[in-house]
Every structure is written in structure tokens, then in C-alpha cells.
Amino acid sequence: MSPPSSIAVVVPVYNEEAVLPELFRRLAAAFDSQPDCHWAAILVNDGSRDRSAELIAEYHQQDPRFKLIELSRNFGFQSALAAGLAAAATADAVVTMDADLQDPPELIPELVAAWRDGAEVVRAVRRTRSETGLRRVAFDLFHRLFGLVTDYPVEPNSGTFGLLGRAAVEAFNHLPERNRFFPGLRAWVGFPRADVLYDRQERAAGQPQQTLRRLVRYAFDGLFSFSYLPLRVLTYCGLFIAGFGFAIGLFFVVRRLLGVEIAPTGFTTLATLVLFLGGVQLIGIGVLGEYLGRVYDEVKRRPNYIIKRTRGFD
């Protein structure tokens, strides 16, 4: 008879005081429904300004399966996720999820079942999602564009929620980059994979903690970490503009040689050309700056996170 599997659930937490009691209850219920596994919930407090860390520490006293990692400040969701994966390196499998309960803990047994059937990477794929309005349009647009430009195929309706086997977790923990895009890295590491469908729910309480600025930066991390297309587009634009300029110059030279009178160039034409070329150059500098800034981050080799204290770890 094989020994019970050890499953860790990694949950980054940032100002989720209103959600945590319900998260504790539903995670504990999911754990109790699978008594043949050794469970641990690793909640990574990413510099919360509310009582999130205190609530997790208090609940740890009631249920030792819930463990706490406190980071020294807010390092961001991806860094908190990396801290949790490093702490869960000895587990047979690791479930990753958000703390806002839009990813239902009740789906965890299905993820574990797919892993036991042989999948090393199990993605929770959304059939539907609860966001509406501009936020929904932005999410759909990003996933469509990212699927077109990325060098590695990424399921457009999947996010952080899913499961990684031990081999996949070890591969993640050996990835050194700072600007992380979790769905892209999950596709990059390979391994046999499976999908589990679910309906993404509303937040259990409170307001979304991911601001528009954070989401835009996250989108840029995904784009510039997994695609060279922006650089290629700049190259194609440069070739097109250079070819167009050469053709116009050749046209006027031929007209001069044939003695055809050349009409004086108007201000509007000149201003349009200058602004267009200046805009293309500034866009090119910006794209190069995005790539160069990420290279600079990697060269500094600062850690992704700093741990302040832990609860529940030997």
C-alpha cells in the first residue's frame, strides 16, 4: 500500500482580512474531504497593512495545517507565490490559488485526481468568469493578444489556480528570473498536463487588491518575458519606413533628371512625416527600455523576496 500523498496549498495574501475566515473554513472542509492525504496550507502574507497576518497566526493555533510566511514588505503577488513554492518543495504536489475565493477550494480534489492520473501540471481552466465591464474586456483582450504573440502556448482561460507535481515545483524553484509570469512559466517548463474546467466565482468579500497599474505591469511581464515580437515589429517598421523613404527619394531624383518641375513640399506634409518618424522612434526606445530594464533587474540578482518570520515550519 502506497503512503499517503502530501499536498500543499500555496496562497499569497495581501490585505484579505475580510476574506480569510471564509477561506479557512472552505480550505479545511476541502482537506477533511480527502483524509488519505497529508495537507498543509501555506499562506504567504505579502506585506499586508490590515490584520491578515494576525488572523493567519491565530488560526494556526487552532489548525496546525495552516502555516504562515510573512514577507518583510509587499514584494508583489508573483514573489509571494515564489516564496510559497520554495517552502512547499518537499510536498508531493502543490496547489496554487488566490486568496479571494474566486478560485473555489472545492475544486482541489479534482485537481489532485487529475494529478494522480499521471498529469504533472494540472490547469484549472475557466468556463466562465464573474468580471464584467471594462475589467472583463481588458482581461479578454490581454489573453487573446498574449496567445497570438507569445513564443509558448498558454491556455487563455487559465491563471494561477492549478496544481504542480514535485518535479514541476523543483523546476519552478530553479528558475532565477525576477519578472515572473506564472501561466507562461507553467507552459515553459513542460511536463504532462491536464485541464480541469470550472466557473470562476465572485470575490467572497472586499475589493480586488490588484490595481490597474499592477495588472498592466503583469501584462507587460508576460509579453516581454515570453515574446520577441515587439522587437521584430520594430525591425519590420524600420525596414518599411526605410524602403518607403528610399522609394520617395528615387522618385524625386528621376523627376529631376527628366526635367519635371517639382512642387514645393508643404508644411503639413513635413510636419506629418516628422511626427510619424518621431513617434516610431520613441516607441522603439520604449520597447528597448522595457527589455533593458528587465535585463538590469536580472543582473542585480537581488532576491525575489525577504522572509520576515514564519509560523508552523520546523
C-alpha atoms as a PDB file:
ATOM      1  CA  MET A   1       0.000   0.000   0.000  1.00  0.00           C
ATOM      2  CA  SER A   2       1.480   3.383  -1.020  1.00  0.00           C
ATOM      3  CA  PRO A   3       1.957   6.037   1.690  1.00  0.00           C
ATOM      4  CA  PRO A   4      -0.470   8.990   1.813  1.00  0.00           C
ATOM      5  CA  SER A   5       0.359  11.841  -0.518  1.00  0.00           C
ATOM      6  CA  SER A   6       1.461  15.165   0.932  1.00  0.00           C
ATOM      7  CA  ILE A   7      -0.337  18.113  -0.694  1.00  0.00           C
ATOM      8  CA  ALA A   8       0.494  21.761  -0.031  1.00  0.00           C
ATOM      9  CA  VAL A   9      -1.771  24.666  -0.974  1.00  0.00           C
ATOM     10  CA  VAL A  10       0.101  27.943  -1.578  1.00  0.00           C
ATOM     11  CA  VAL A  11      -1.970  31.121  -1.188  1.00  0.00           C
ATOM     12  CA  PRO A  12      -0.449  34.635  -1.479  1.00  0.00           C
ATOM     13  CA  VAL A  13      -2.319  37.050   0.804  1.00  0.00           C
ATOM     14  CA  TYR A  14      -2.416  40.838   0.579  1.00  0.00           C
ATOM     15  CA  ASN A  15      -4.977  42.804   2.639  1.00  0.00           C
ATOM     16  CA  GLU A  16      -7.510  39.956   2.648  1.00  0.00           C
ATOM     17  CA  GLU A  17      -8.738  40.293   6.237  1.00  0.00           C
ATOM     18  CA  ALA A  18     -12.374  40.224   5.142  1.00  0.00           C
ATOM     19  CA  VAL A  19     -11.948  37.001   3.140  1.00  0.00           C
ATOM     20  CA  LEU A  20      -9.702  34.930   5.402  1.00  0.00           C
ATOM     21  CA  PRO A  21     -12.330  33.415   7.798  1.00  0.00           C
ATOM     22  CA  GLU A  22     -14.278  32.003   4.838  1.00  0.00           C
ATOM     23  CA  LEU A  23     -11.034  30.870   3.184  1.00  0.00           C
ATOM     24  CA  PHE A  24     -10.021  28.966   6.349  1.00  0.00           C
ATOM     25  CA  ARG A  25     -13.416  27.276   6.565  1.00  0.00           C
ATOM     26  CA  ARG A  26     -13.590  26.177   2.936  1.00  0.00           C
ATOM     27  CA  LEU A  27      -9.971  25.034   2.761  1.00  0.00           C
ATOM     28  CA  ALA A  28     -10.385  22.996   5.949  1.00  0.00           C
ATOM     29  CA  ALA A  29     -13.534  21.392   4.512  1.00  0.00           C
ATOM     30  CA  ALA A  30     -11.663  20.509   1.303  1.00  0.00           C
ATOM     31  CA  PHE A  31      -8.829  18.977   3.367  1.00  0.00           C
ATOM     32  CA  ASP A  32     -11.248  16.957   5.520  1.00  0.00           C
ATOM     33  CA  SER A  33     -12.908  15.551   2.387  1.00  0.00           C
ATOM     34  CA  GLN A  34      -9.576  13.919   1.409  1.00  0.00           C
ATOM     35  CA  PRO A  35      -8.391  12.139   4.585  1.00  0.00           C
ATOM     36  CA  ASP A  36      -5.959   9.975   2.580  1.00  0.00           C
ATOM     37  CA  CYS A  37      -3.633  12.983   2.083  1.00  0.00           C
ATOM     38  CA  HIS A  38      -1.375  14.949   4.380  1.00  0.00           C
ATOM     39  CA  TRP A  39      -2.460  18.561   3.873  1.00  0.00           C
ATOM     40  CA  ALA A  40      -0.753  21.881   4.507  1.00  0.00           C
ATOM     41  CA  ALA A  41      -1.918  25.377   3.607  1.00  0.00           C
ATOM     42  CA  ILE A  42       0.984  27.811   3.194  1.00  0.00           C
ATOM     43  CA  LEU A  43      -0.355  31.355   3.344  1.00  0.00           C
ATOM     44  CA  VAL A  44       2.214  33.969   2.325  1.00  0.00           C
ATOM     45  CA  ASN A  45       1.476  37.389   3.801  1.00  0.00           C
ATOM     46  CA  ASP A  46       2.801  39.853   1.221  1.00  0.00           C
ATOM     47  CA  GLY A  47       3.213  42.904   3.456  1.00  0.00           C
ATOM     48  CA  SER A  48      -0.489  43.317   4.254  1.00  0.00           C
ATOM     49  CA  ARG A  49      -1.470  46.546   6.024  1.00  0.00           C
ATOM     50  CA  ASP A  50      -4.516  45.009   7.727  1.00  0.00           C
ATOM     51  CA  ARG A  51      -4.804  42.132  10.245  1.00  0.00           C
ATOM     52  CA  SER A  52      -4.260  39.357   7.697  1.00  0.00           C
ATOM     53  CA  ALA A  53      -1.030  38.080   9.303  1.00  0.00           C
ATOM     54  CA  GLU A  54      -2.581  38.124  12.788  1.00  0.00           C
ATOM     55  CA  LEU A  55      -5.634  36.171  11.632  1.00  0.00           C
ATOM     56  CA  ILE A  56      -3.472  33.526   9.961  1.00  0.00           C
ATOM     57  CA  ALA A  57      -1.262  33.197  13.066  1.00  0.00           C
ATOM     58  CA  GLU A  58      -4.342  32.842  15.285  1.00  0.00           C
ATOM     59  CA  TYR A  59      -5.902  30.203  13.049  1.00  0.00           C
ATOM     60  CA  HIS A  60      -2.607  28.285  13.006  1.00  0.00           C
ATOM     61  CA  GLN A  61      -3.066  27.765  16.761  1.00  0.00           C
ATOM     62  CA  GLN A  62      -6.417  26.098  16.071  1.00  0.00           C
ATOM     63  CA  ASP A  63      -5.374  24.110  13.000  1.00  0.00           C
ATOM     64  CA  PRO A  64      -1.615  23.425  12.560  1.00  0.00           C
ATOM     65  CA  ARG A  65      -2.203  22.512   8.913  1.00  0.00           C
ATOM     66  CA  PHE A  66      -2.356  26.251   8.211  1.00  0.00           C
ATOM     67  CA  LYS A  67       1.127  27.781   8.103  1.00  0.00           C
ATOM     68  CA  LEU A  68       2.269  31.374   7.736  1.00  0.00           C
ATOM     69  CA  ILE A  69       5.141  33.024   5.878  1.00  0.00           C
ATOM     70  CA  GLU A  70       5.474  36.776   6.450  1.00  0.00           C
ATOM     71  CA  LEU A  71       7.467  38.797   3.944  1.00  0.00           C
ATOM     72  CA  SER A  72       9.318  41.894   5.104  1.00  0.00           C
ATOM     73  CA  ARG A  73       7.268  44.156   2.781  1.00  0.00           C
ATOM     74  CA  ASN A  74       4.970  43.987  -0.225  1.00  0.00           C
ATOM     75  CA  PHE A  75       7.028  42.284  -2.942  1.00  0.00           C
ATOM     76  CA  GLY A  76       4.093  41.518  -5.253  1.00  0.00           C
ATOM     77  CA  PHE A  77       1.920  38.509  -5.995  1.00  0.00           C
ATOM     78  CA  GLN A  78       4.486  36.651  -8.116  1.00  0.00           C
ATOM     79  CA  SER A  79       7.217  36.972  -5.483  1.00  0.00           C
ATOM     80  CA  ALA A  80       4.853  35.793  -2.735  1.00  0.00           C
ATOM     81  CA  LEU A  81       3.927  32.825  -4.906  1.00  0.00           C
ATOM     82  CA  ALA A  82       7.631  32.025  -5.381  1.00  0.00           C
ATOM     83  CA  ALA A  83       8.149  32.115  -1.596  1.00  0.00           C
ATOM     84  CA  GLY A  84       5.298  29.649  -1.097  1.00  0.00           C
ATOM     85  CA  LEU A  85       6.573  27.283  -3.789  1.00  0.00           C
ATOM     86  CA  ALA A  86      10.033  27.281  -2.210  1.00  0.00           C
ATOM     87  CA  ALA A  87       8.524  26.426   1.186  1.00  0.00           C
ATOM     88  CA  ALA A  88       6.442  23.610  -0.340  1.00  0.00           C
ATOM     89  CA  ALA A  89       9.361  21.963  -2.146  1.00  0.00           C
ATOM     90  CA  THR A  90       9.090  18.713  -0.147  1.00  0.00           C
ATOM     91  CA  ALA A  91       5.381  18.145  -0.902  1.00  0.00           C
ATOM     92  CA  ASP A  92       4.352  15.551  -3.469  1.00  0.00           C
ATOM     93  CA  ALA A  93       2.110  18.133  -5.167  1.00  0.00           C
ATOM     94  CA  VAL A  94       1.383  21.842  -4.722  1.00  0.00           C
ATOM     95  CA  VAL A  95      -1.888  23.634  -5.425  1.00  0.00           C
ATOM     96  CA  THR A  96      -1.584  27.358  -6.213  1.00  0.00           C
ATOM     97  CA  MET A  97      -4.568  29.684  -5.825  1.00  0.00           C
ATOM     98  CA  ASP A  98      -5.685  33.233  -4.995  1.00  0.00           C
ATOM     99  CA  ALA A  99      -6.977  34.171  -1.558  1.00  0.00           C
ATOM    100  CA  ASP A 100     -10.140  35.939  -2.758  1.00  0.00           C
ATOM    101  CA  LEU A 101     -12.068  32.664  -3.267  1.00  0.00           C
ATOM    102  CA  GLN A 102     -12.794  33.361  -6.912  1.00  0.00           C
ATOM    103  CA  ASP A 103     -10.922  30.073  -7.296  1.00  0.00           C
ATOM    104  CA  PRO A 104     -13.111  27.592  -5.348  1.00  0.00           C
ATOM    105  CA  PRO A 105     -11.228  25.320  -2.893  1.00  0.00           C
ATOM    106  CA  GLU A 106     -13.899  22.687  -3.555  1.00  0.00           C
ATOM    107  CA  LEU A 107     -12.172  22.032  -6.909  1.00  0.00           C
ATOM    108  CA  ILE A 108      -8.933  20.917  -5.235  1.00  0.00           C
ATOM    109  CA  PRO A 109      -9.943  17.203  -5.044  1.00  0.00           C
ATOM    110  CA  GLU A 110     -10.465  17.216  -8.841  1.00  0.00           C
ATOM    111  CA  LEU A 111      -7.015  18.725  -9.363  1.00  0.00           C
ATOM    112  CA  VAL A 112      -5.496  16.042  -7.134  1.00  0.00           C
ATOM    113  CA  ALA A 113      -7.396  13.309  -9.026  1.00  0.00           C
ATOM    114  CA  ALA A 114      -6.012  14.562 -12.362  1.00  0.00           C
ATOM    115  CA  TRP A 115      -2.501  14.566 -10.866  1.00  0.00           C
ATOM    116  CA  ARG A 116      -2.913  11.006  -9.639  1.00  0.00           C
ATOM    117  CA  ASP A 117      -3.960  10.013 -13.154  1.00  0.00           C
ATOM    118  CA  GLY A 118      -0.493  10.993 -14.377  1.00  0.00           C
ATOM    119  CA  ALA A 119      -0.521  14.750 -15.072  1.00  0.00           C
ATOM    120  CA  GLU A 120       2.426  16.659 -13.608  1.00  0.00           C
ATOM    121  CA  VAL A 121       0.835  20.044 -14.386  1.00  0.00           C
ATOM    122  CA  VAL A 122      -2.926  20.481 -13.868  1.00  0.00           C
ATOM    123  CA  ARG A 123      -4.502  23.746 -15.029  1.00  0.00           C
ATOM    124  CA  ALA A 124      -7.861  24.976 -13.745  1.00  0.00           C
ATOM    125  CA  VAL A 125      -9.483  26.372 -16.901  1.00  0.00           C
ATOM    126  CA  ARG A 126     -12.355  28.845 -16.580  1.00  0.00           C
ATOM    127  CA  ARG A 127     -15.598  28.053 -18.374  1.00  0.00           C
ATOM    128  CA  THR A 128     -16.999  31.401 -17.266  1.00  0.00           C
ATOM    129  CA  ARG A 129     -15.746  34.298 -15.164  1.00  0.00           C
ATOM    130  CA  SER A 130     -17.594  36.792 -12.961  1.00  0.00           C
ATOM    131  CA  GLU A 131     -15.847  40.024 -14.019  1.00  0.00           C
ATOM    132  CA  THR A 132     -17.899  42.493 -16.027  1.00  0.00           C
ATOM    133  CA  GLY A 133     -17.403  45.839 -17.732  1.00  0.00           C
ATOM    134  CA  LEU A 134     -14.015  47.291 -18.587  1.00  0.00           C
ATOM    135  CA  ARG A 135     -12.140  44.848 -16.352  1.00  0.00           C
ATOM    136  CA  ARG A 136     -13.656  41.875 -18.204  1.00  0.00           C
ATOM    137  CA  VAL A 137     -12.891  43.415 -21.619  1.00  0.00           C
ATOM    138  CA  ALA A 138      -9.277  44.101 -20.564  1.00  0.00           C
ATOM    139  CA  PHE A 139      -8.779  40.512 -19.352  1.00  0.00           C
ATOM    140  CA  ASP A 140     -10.229  39.003 -22.538  1.00  0.00           C
ATOM    141  CA  LEU A 141      -8.219  41.340 -24.769  1.00  0.00           C
ATOM    142  CA  PHE A 142      -4.962  40.571 -22.972  1.00  0.00           C
ATOM    143  CA  HIS A 143      -5.449  36.801 -23.157  1.00  0.00           C
ATOM    144  CA  ARG A 144      -6.286  36.967 -26.869  1.00  0.00           C
ATOM    145  CA  LEU A 145      -3.284  39.142 -27.704  1.00  0.00           C
ATOM    146  CA  PHE A 146      -0.922  37.167 -25.485  1.00  0.00           C
ATOM    147  CA  GLY A 147      -1.961  33.929 -27.169  1.00  0.00           C
ATOM    148  CA  LEU A 148      -1.088  35.454 -30.551  1.00  0.00           C
ATOM    149  CA  VAL A 149       2.329  36.929 -29.696  1.00  0.00           C
ATOM    150  CA  THR A 150       3.822  34.515 -27.159  1.00  0.00           C
ATOM    151  CA  ASP A 151       6.514  32.056 -28.172  1.00  0.00           C
ATOM    152  CA  TYR A 152       4.985  29.379 -25.887  1.00  0.00           C
ATOM    153  CA  PRO A 153       1.320  28.266 -25.974  1.00  0.00           C
ATOM    154  CA  VAL A 154      -0.617  29.408 -22.896  1.00  0.00           C
ATOM    155  CA  GLU A 155      -4.216  28.425 -22.193  1.00  0.00           C
ATOM    156  CA  PRO A 156      -6.118  31.763 -22.463  1.00  0.00           C
ATOM    157  CA  ASN A 157      -8.664  30.938 -19.735  1.00  0.00           C
ATOM    158  CA  SER A 158      -6.267  29.790 -17.038  1.00  0.00           C
ATOM    159  CA  GLY A 159      -4.482  31.760 -14.336  1.00  0.00           C
ATOM    160  CA  THR A 160      -2.720  30.935 -11.089  1.00  0.00           C
ATOM    161  CA  PHE A 161      -5.192  28.275  -9.969  1.00  0.00           C
ATOM    162  CA  GLY A 162      -3.874  24.777 -10.610  1.00  0.00           C
ATOM    163  CA  LEU A 163      -1.601  22.023  -9.364  1.00  0.00           C
ATOM    164  CA  LEU A 164       2.079  21.212  -9.870  1.00  0.00           C
ATOM    165  CA  GLY A 165       3.725  17.871  -9.143  1.00  0.00           C
ATOM    166  CA  ARG A 166       7.030  17.741  -7.290  1.00  0.00           C
ATOM    167  CA  ALA A 167       9.137  17.638 -10.461  1.00  0.00           C
ATOM    168  CA  ALA A 168       7.372  20.743 -11.820  1.00  0.00           C
ATOM    169  CA  VAL A 169       7.785  22.549  -8.475  1.00  0.00           C
ATOM    170  CA  GLU A 170      11.505  21.763  -8.468  1.00  0.00           C
ATOM    171  CA  ALA A 171      11.751  23.175 -12.000  1.00  0.00           C
ATOM    172  CA  PHE A 172       9.955  26.353 -10.901  1.00  0.00           C
ATOM    173  CA  ASN A 173      12.212  26.778  -7.887  1.00  0.00           C
ATOM    174  CA  HIS A 174      15.287  26.647 -10.132  1.00  0.00           C
ATOM    175  CA  LEU A 175      14.052  29.446 -12.400  1.00  0.00           C
ATOM    176  CA  PRO A 176      16.121  32.526 -11.492  1.00  0.00           C
ATOM    177  CA  GLU A 177      14.218  35.401 -13.122  1.00  0.00           C
ATOM    178  CA  ARG A 178      12.622  38.200 -11.119  1.00  0.00           C
ATOM    179  CA  ASN A 179       9.917  39.369 -13.556  1.00  0.00           C
ATOM    180  CA  ARG A 180       7.687  36.318 -13.423  1.00  0.00           C
ATOM    181  CA  PHE A 181       4.528  35.467 -15.329  1.00  0.00           C
ATOM    182  CA  PHE A 182       3.205  32.284 -13.741  1.00  0.00           C
ATOM    183  CA  PRO A 183       0.990  30.927 -16.586  1.00  0.00           C
ATOM    184  CA  GLY A 184       3.834  31.455 -19.064  1.00  0.00           C
ATOM    185  CA  LEU A 185       6.401  29.721 -16.843  1.00  0.00           C
ATOM    186  CA  ARG A 186       3.970  26.859 -16.271  1.00  0.00           C
ATOM    187  CA  ALA A 187       3.752  26.390 -20.045  1.00  0.00           C
ATOM    188  CA  TRP A 188       7.527  26.770 -20.461  1.00  0.00           C
ATOM    189  CA  VAL A 189       8.551  24.017 -18.000  1.00  0.00           C
ATOM    190  CA  GLY A 190       6.648  21.385 -19.975  1.00  0.00           C
ATOM    191  CA  PHE A 191       5.682  18.026 -18.349  1.00  0.00           C
ATOM    192  CA  PRO A 192       2.452  16.058 -18.971  1.00  0.00           C
ATOM    193  CA  ARG A 193      -0.546  18.282 -18.337  1.00  0.00           C
ATOM    194  CA  ALA A 194      -4.294  18.085 -17.838  1.00  0.00           C
ATOM    195  CA  ASP A 195      -7.128  20.614 -17.619  1.00  0.00           C
ATOM    196  CA  VAL A 196      -9.989  20.804 -15.124  1.00  0.00           C
ATOM    197  CA  LEU A 197     -12.901  23.083 -16.041  1.00  0.00           C
ATOM    198  CA  TYR A 198     -14.626  25.342 -13.507  1.00  0.00           C
ATOM    199  CA  ASP A 199     -16.721  28.512 -13.218  1.00  0.00           C
ATOM    200  CA  ARG A 200     -14.819  31.450 -11.750  1.00  0.00           C
ATOM    201  CA  GLN A 201     -16.802  32.986  -8.895  1.00  0.00           C
ATOM    202  CA  GLU A 202     -17.283  36.424  -7.371  1.00  0.00           C
ATOM    203  CA  ARG A 203     -14.976  37.610  -4.599  1.00  0.00           C
ATOM    204  CA  ALA A 204     -16.145  36.317  -1.232  1.00  0.00           C
ATOM    205  CA  ALA A 205     -15.734  39.800   0.321  1.00  0.00           C
ATOM    206  CA  GLY A 206     -13.858  43.057  -0.022  1.00  0.00           C
ATOM    207  CA  GLN A 207     -12.464  44.758  -3.118  1.00  0.00           C
ATOM    208  CA  PRO A 208      -9.942  43.439  -5.687  1.00  0.00           C
ATOM    209  CA  GLN A 209      -6.386  44.077  -4.496  1.00  0.00           C
ATOM    210  CA  GLN A 210      -4.882  44.037  -8.000  1.00  0.00           C
ATOM    211  CA  THR A 211      -4.932  47.659  -9.176  1.00  0.00           C
ATOM    212  CA  LEU A 212      -4.949  48.635 -12.849  1.00  0.00           C
ATOM    213  CA  ARG A 213      -1.280  49.607 -12.578  1.00  0.00           C
ATOM    214  CA  ARG A 214      -0.364  46.165 -11.190  1.00  0.00           C
ATOM    215  CA  LEU A 215      -2.373  44.393 -13.877  1.00  0.00           C
ATOM    216  CA  VAL A 216      -0.716  46.423 -16.649  1.00  0.00           C
ATOM    217  CA  ARG A 217       2.730  45.640 -15.255  1.00  0.00           C
ATOM    218  CA  TYR A 218       1.779  41.960 -15.001  1.00  0.00           C
ATOM    219  CA  ALA A 219       0.677  42.029 -18.641  1.00  0.00           C
ATOM    220  CA  PHE A 220       3.995  43.625 -19.651  1.00  0.00           C
ATOM    221  CA  ASP A 221       5.903  40.953 -17.714  1.00  0.00           C
ATOM    222  CA  GLY A 222       4.061  38.282 -19.670  1.00  0.00           C
ATOM    223  CA  LEU A 223       4.593  39.975 -23.012  1.00  0.00           C
ATOM    224  CA  PHE A 224       8.258  40.918 -22.684  1.00  0.00           C
ATOM    225  CA  SER A 225       9.269  37.698 -20.893  1.00  0.00           C
ATOM    226  CA  PHE A 226       7.799  35.306 -23.455  1.00  0.00           C
ATOM    227  CA  SER A 227       7.858  37.102 -26.792  1.00  0.00           C
ATOM    228  CA  TYR A 228      10.356  38.813 -29.091  1.00  0.00           C
ATOM    229  CA  LEU A 229       7.521  40.100 -31.275  1.00  0.00           C
ATOM    230  CA  PRO A 230       7.788  43.768 -30.123  1.00  0.00           C
ATOM    231  CA  LEU A 231      11.430  43.823 -31.258  1.00  0.00           C
ATOM    232  CA  ARG A 232      10.545  42.135 -34.527  1.00  0.00           C
ATOM    233  CA  VAL A 233       7.718  44.617 -35.161  1.00  0.00           C
ATOM    234  CA  LEU A 234      10.174  47.480 -34.686  1.00  0.00           C
ATOM    235  CA  THR A 235      12.543  45.866 -37.183  1.00  0.00           C
ATOM    236  CA  TYR A 236       9.762  45.461 -39.732  1.00  0.00           C
ATOM    237  CA  CYS A 237       8.621  49.061 -39.190  1.00  0.00           C
ATOM    238  CA  GLY A 238      12.181  50.294 -39.697  1.00  0.00           C
ATOM    239  CA  LEU A 239      12.553  48.302 -42.897  1.00  0.00           C
ATOM    240  CA  PHE A 240       9.217  49.523 -44.206  1.00  0.00           C
ATOM    241  CA  ILE A 241       9.920  53.190 -43.426  1.00  0.00           C
ATOM    242  CA  ALA A 242      13.433  52.974 -44.866  1.00  0.00           C
ATOM    243  CA  GLY A 243      12.126  51.337 -48.043  1.00  0.00           C
ATOM    244  CA  PHE A 244       9.335  53.896 -48.322  1.00  0.00           C
ATOM    245  CA  GLY A 245      11.782  56.770 -47.867  1.00  0.00           C
ATOM    246  CA  PHE A 246      14.163  55.318 -50.470  1.00  0.00           C
ATOM    247  CA  ALA A 247      11.306  54.967 -52.943  1.00  0.00           C
ATOM    248  CA  ILE A 248      10.231  58.592 -52.434  1.00  0.00           C
ATOM    249  CA  GLY A 249      13.818  59.802 -52.827  1.00  0.00           C
ATOM    250  CA  LEU A 250      14.277  57.795 -56.010  1.00  0.00           C
ATOM    251  CA  PHE A 251      11.010  59.168 -57.355  1.00  0.00           C
ATOM    252  CA  PHE A 252      12.139  62.790 -56.925  1.00  0.00           C
ATOM    253  CA  VAL A 253      15.626  62.056 -58.346  1.00  0.00           C
ATOM    254  CA  VAL A 254      14.078  60.569 -61.500  1.00  0.00           C
ATOM    255  CA  ARG A 255      11.734  63.549 -61.841  1.00  0.00           C
ATOM    256  CA  ARG A 256      14.706  65.936 -61.559  1.00  0.00           C
ATOM    257  CA  LEU A 257      16.712  64.010 -64.178  1.00  0.00           C
ATOM    258  CA  LEU A 258      13.730  64.116 -66.543  1.00  0.00           C
ATOM    259  CA  GLY A 259      13.393  67.859 -66.037  1.00  0.00           C
ATOM    260  CA  VAL A 260       9.946  67.604 -64.466  1.00  0.00           C
ATOM    261  CA  GLU A 261       9.200  70.524 -62.136  1.00  0.00           C
ATOM    262  CA  ILE A 262       8.998  69.539 -58.512  1.00  0.00           C
ATOM    263  CA  ALA A 263       6.292  71.207 -56.455  1.00  0.00           C
ATOM    264  CA  PRO A 264       7.493  72.679 -53.132  1.00  0.00           C
ATOM    265  CA  THR A 265       6.768  70.493 -50.085  1.00  0.00           C
ATOM    266  CA  GLY A 266       4.089  71.919 -47.821  1.00  0.00           C
ATOM    267  CA  PHE A 267       4.318  72.368 -44.046  1.00  0.00           C
ATOM    268  CA  THR A 268       1.584  69.790 -43.351  1.00  0.00           C
ATOM    269  CA  THR A 269       3.455  67.037 -45.198  1.00  0.00           C
ATOM    270  CA  LEU A 270       6.713  67.856 -43.456  1.00  0.00           C
ATOM    271  CA  ALA A 271       5.126  68.041 -40.003  1.00  0.00           C
ATOM    272  CA  THR A 272       3.281  64.729 -40.538  1.00  0.00           C
ATOM    273  CA  LEU A 273       6.460  62.920 -41.570  1.00  0.00           C
ATOM    274  CA  VAL A 274       8.478  64.349 -38.667  1.00  0.00           C
ATOM    275  CA  LEU A 275       5.817  63.470 -36.071  1.00  0.00           C
ATOM    276  CA  PHE A 276       5.325  59.989 -37.513  1.00  0.00           C
ATOM    277  CA  LEU A 277       9.036  59.170 -37.552  1.00  0.00           C
ATOM    278  CA  GLY A 278       9.499  60.713 -34.096  1.00  0.00           C
ATOM    279  CA  GLY A 279       6.628  58.638 -32.717  1.00  0.00           C
ATOM    280  CA  VAL A 280       8.046  55.413 -34.165  1.00  0.00           C
ATOM    281  CA  GLN A 281      11.461  56.221 -32.676  1.00  0.00           C
ATOM    282  CA  LEU A 282      10.011  56.924 -29.217  1.00  0.00           C
ATOM    283  CA  ILE A 283       8.000  53.697 -29.315  1.00  0.00           C
ATOM    284  CA  GLY A 284      11.171  51.846 -30.293  1.00  0.00           C
ATOM    285  CA  ILE A 285      13.106  53.408 -27.416  1.00  0.00           C
ATOM    286  CA  GLY A 286      10.296  52.465 -25.029  1.00  0.00           C
ATOM    287  CA  VAL A 287      10.246  48.826 -26.167  1.00  0.00           C
ATOM    288  CA  LEU A 288      14.029  48.586 -25.901  1.00  0.00           C
ATOM    289  CA  GLY A 289      13.787  50.180 -22.462  1.00  0.00           C
ATOM    290  CA  GLU A 290      11.320  47.523 -21.282  1.00  0.00           C
ATOM    291  CA  TYR A 291      13.667  44.722 -22.309  1.00  0.00           C
ATOM    292  CA  LEU A 292      16.747  46.539 -20.980  1.00  0.00           C
ATOM    293  CA  GLY A 293      15.076  47.277 -17.648  1.00  0.00           C
ATOM    294  CA  ARG A 294      14.316  43.593 -17.175  1.00  0.00           C
ATOM    295  CA  VAL A 295      17.909  42.694 -18.041  1.00  0.00           C
ATOM    296  CA  TYR A 296      19.046  45.239 -15.435  1.00  0.00           C
ATOM    297  CA  ASP A 297      16.790  43.628 -12.805  1.00  0.00           C
ATOM    298  CA  GLU A 298      18.264  40.212 -13.541  1.00  0.00           C
ATOM    299  CA  VAL A 299      21.886  41.449 -13.468  1.00  0.00           C
ATOM    300  CA  LYS A 300      21.432  42.937  -9.971  1.00  0.00           C
ATOM    301  CA  ARG A 301      20.492  39.443  -8.712  1.00  0.00           C
ATOM    302  CA  ARG A 302      18.518  40.719  -5.749  1.00  0.00           C
ATOM    303  CA  PRO A 303      16.273  38.085  -4.137  1.00  0.00           C
ATOM    304  CA  ASN A 304      12.638  37.945  -5.184  1.00  0.00           C
ATOM    305  CA  TYR A 305      11.522  38.276  -1.553  1.00  0.00           C
ATOM    306  CA  ILE A 306      12.776  38.545   2.036  1.00  0.00           C
ATOM    307  CA  ILE A 307      11.100  36.472   4.761  1.00  0.00           C
ATOM    308  CA  LYS A 308      10.412  38.293   7.998  1.00  0.00           C
ATOM    309  CA  ARG A 309       9.085  35.390  10.078  1.00  0.00           C
ATOM    310  CA  THR A 310       7.254  32.074   9.743  1.00  0.00           C
ATOM    311  CA  ARG A 311       4.701  30.091  11.743  1.00  0.00           C
ATOM    312  CA  GLY A 312       4.248  26.344  11.604  1.00  0.00           C
ATOM    313  CA  PHE A 313       7.556  25.387   9.967  1.00  0.00           C
ATOM    314  CA  ASP A 314      10.208  23.317  11.716  1.00  0.00           C
END
